Structure formats: C-alpha cells, structure tokens
Amino acid sequence: MRGNIAQLMQQAQKMQENLQKAQEELANLEVTGNAGGGMVSVTLTGRMECRKVRIDPSVLTDPEMAEDLIAAAINDAVNKANEASQSRMGSATAGMPLPPGMKLPF
C-alpha cells in the first residue's frame, strides 16, 4: 500500500512539473486569428493578452463590417489559443489518471 502512495506522489510531482512547463510555454505562445480573408488579424498570447491588431484600410470605410470582422478575428484567435492550451495541458497530464469531470488547470 505504501508503495502505491509513494508512486502516486511521484506521479503527482511529475505532473505538477509538466503543468508548470506547459504554462511557461503558453505564456510565450502567440496565435493569430483572421477574418475577412485576412483583412483583419488579431494576435494573442497563450494568456489571452492582445499583442497586435492589423486592419486593412479598406475595411474602415464600413464601420459595421469592421466591427464584425474584428470580433470574428478575436474569436478565431481565442479559439486557437484555447486549442493550444488544451493540447499542451493534456500532454502535461498524460498518464496521470484524473477523476471523471476534473479539468486542469483548476
């Protein structure tokens, strides 16, 4: 029984190290979302911080369309950042059995 607990503690420590490494990678990650065939692009970090927004000048003649394209580009970037986060966090916890419904990070 003690061997199982020691092994579980080692696995938990390894998982914690992997999670920390994955979080550091995500902090350095940048993803770009696009809309309107590249007329608007938004670059976010893995921590959802906006780094860059590029808007084609032709979009600015129609404010309503510009608003829609900016929102779509942001949503695209957020989806890409979330996918990258889930992928990295999933690989960080690989091999560590988690209870059903438990998601990381907490």
Protein backbone atom coordinates (compact mmCIF):
# COMPACT_ATOMS: atom_id res chain seq x y z
CA MET A 1 0.00 0.00 0.00
CA ARG A 2 2.81 2.43 0.90
CA GLY A 3 4.49 1.74 -2.44
CA ASN A 4 1.33 2.76 -4.26
CA ILE A 5 1.10 6.03 -2.33
CA ALA A 6 4.77 6.82 -2.96
CA GLN A 7 4.31 6.08 -6.66
CA LEU A 8 1.19 8.24 -6.79
CA MET A 9 3.04 11.11 -5.09
CA GLN A 10 5.88 10.81 -7.63
CA GLN A 11 3.36 10.91 -10.48
CA ALA A 12 1.68 13.96 -8.98
CA GLN A 13 5.01 15.76 -8.62
CA LYS A 14 5.93 14.92 -12.24
CA MET A 15 2.52 16.14 -13.41
CA GLN A 16 2.99 19.40 -11.49
CA GLU A 17 6.38 19.93 -13.15
CA ASN A 18 4.86 19.20 -16.56
CA LEU A 19 2.00 21.63 -15.91
CA GLN A 20 4.41 24.38 -14.92
CA LYS A 21 6.44 23.81 -18.08
CA ALA A 22 3.26 23.85 -20.21
CA GLN A 23 2.14 27.12 -18.59
CA GLU A 24 5.52 28.69 -19.36
CA GLU A 25 5.24 27.55 -22.98
CA LEU A 26 1.74 29.03 -23.21
CA ALA A 27 2.98 32.36 -21.87
CA ASN A 28 5.39 32.54 -24.81
CA LEU A 29 2.91 31.24 -27.39
CA GLU A 30 1.39 33.65 -29.90
CA VAL A 31 -1.57 32.79 -32.13
CA THR A 32 -3.14 34.87 -34.88
CA GLY A 33 -6.84 34.90 -35.70
CA ASN A 34 -8.04 36.14 -39.07
CA ALA A 35 -11.31 37.29 -40.57
CA GLY A 36 -12.46 38.55 -43.94
CA GLY A 37 -9.81 36.63 -45.83
CA GLY A 38 -7.04 38.26 -43.81
CA MET A 39 -8.49 41.76 -43.92
CA VAL A 40 -8.40 41.78 -40.11
CA SER A 41 -5.95 39.85 -37.95
CA VAL A 42 -5.50 39.73 -34.19
CA THR A 43 -2.51 38.23 -32.39
CA LEU A 44 -2.95 36.94 -28.84
CA THR A 45 -0.63 35.24 -26.38
CA GLY A 46 -1.48 31.94 -24.74
CA ARG A 47 -2.60 34.02 -21.75
CA MET A 48 -5.14 35.85 -23.95
CA GLU A 49 -3.20 39.12 -23.99
CA CYS A 50 -3.58 41.06 -27.23
CA ARG A 51 -0.23 41.71 -28.90
CA LYS A 52 -1.21 43.05 -32.30
CA VAL A 53 -4.23 44.10 -34.35
CA ARG A 54 -3.98 44.62 -38.11
CA ILE A 55 -6.86 46.11 -40.08
CA ASP A 56 -6.83 46.58 -43.83
CA PRO A 57 -7.66 50.26 -44.54
CA SER A 58 -10.43 49.26 -46.95
CA VAL A 59 -12.38 47.78 -44.02
CA LEU A 60 -12.55 51.14 -42.27
CA THR A 61 -14.96 52.60 -44.83
CA ASP A 62 -17.73 50.43 -43.41
CA PRO A 63 -17.70 50.66 -39.58
CA GLU A 64 -20.30 47.93 -39.10
CA MET A 65 -18.35 45.46 -41.23
CA ALA A 66 -15.14 46.45 -39.43
CA GLU A 67 -16.73 45.69 -36.06
CA ASP A 68 -17.93 42.28 -37.25
CA LEU A 69 -14.55 41.37 -38.73
CA ILE A 70 -12.66 42.46 -35.61
CA ALA A 71 -14.96 40.38 -33.40
CA ALA A 72 -14.57 37.38 -35.72
CA ALA A 73 -10.77 37.71 -35.75
CA ILE A 74 -10.66 37.91 -31.95
CA ASN A 75 -12.88 34.84 -31.64
CA ASP A 76 -10.67 32.96 -34.11
CA ALA A 77 -7.55 33.84 -32.11
CA VAL A 78 -9.19 32.87 -28.80
CA ASN A 79 -10.25 29.50 -30.24
CA LYS A 80 -6.70 28.84 -31.48
CA ALA A 81 -5.21 29.81 -28.11
CA ASN A 82 -7.68 27.55 -26.27
CA GLU A 83 -6.88 24.62 -28.57
CA ALA A 84 -3.15 25.10 -27.98
CA SER A 85 -3.73 25.34 -24.23
CA GLN A 86 -5.82 22.17 -24.10
CA SER A 87 -3.27 20.31 -26.18
CA ARG A 88 -0.33 21.33 -24.01
CA MET A 89 -2.17 20.76 -20.74
CA GLY A 90 -3.43 17.40 -21.97
CA SER A 91 0.08 16.24 -22.77
CA ALA A 92 1.30 17.54 -19.40
CA THR A 93 -1.17 15.30 -17.54
CA ALA A 94 -0.76 12.27 -19.83
CA GLY A 95 -0.53 9.06 -17.87
CA MET A 96 -1.95 10.58 -14.69
CA PRO A 97 -5.44 9.25 -14.05
CA LEU A 98 -7.80 12.08 -13.12
CA PRO A 99 -11.30 11.63 -11.77
CA PRO A 100 -14.05 11.96 -14.38
CA GLY A 101 -15.05 15.58 -15.00
CA MET A 102 -11.90 17.01 -13.43
CA LYS A 103 -10.23 19.55 -15.70
CA LEU A 104 -6.86 21.20 -15.46
CA PRO A 105 -5.80 23.85 -14.77
CA PHE A 106 -8.25 24.13 -11.87
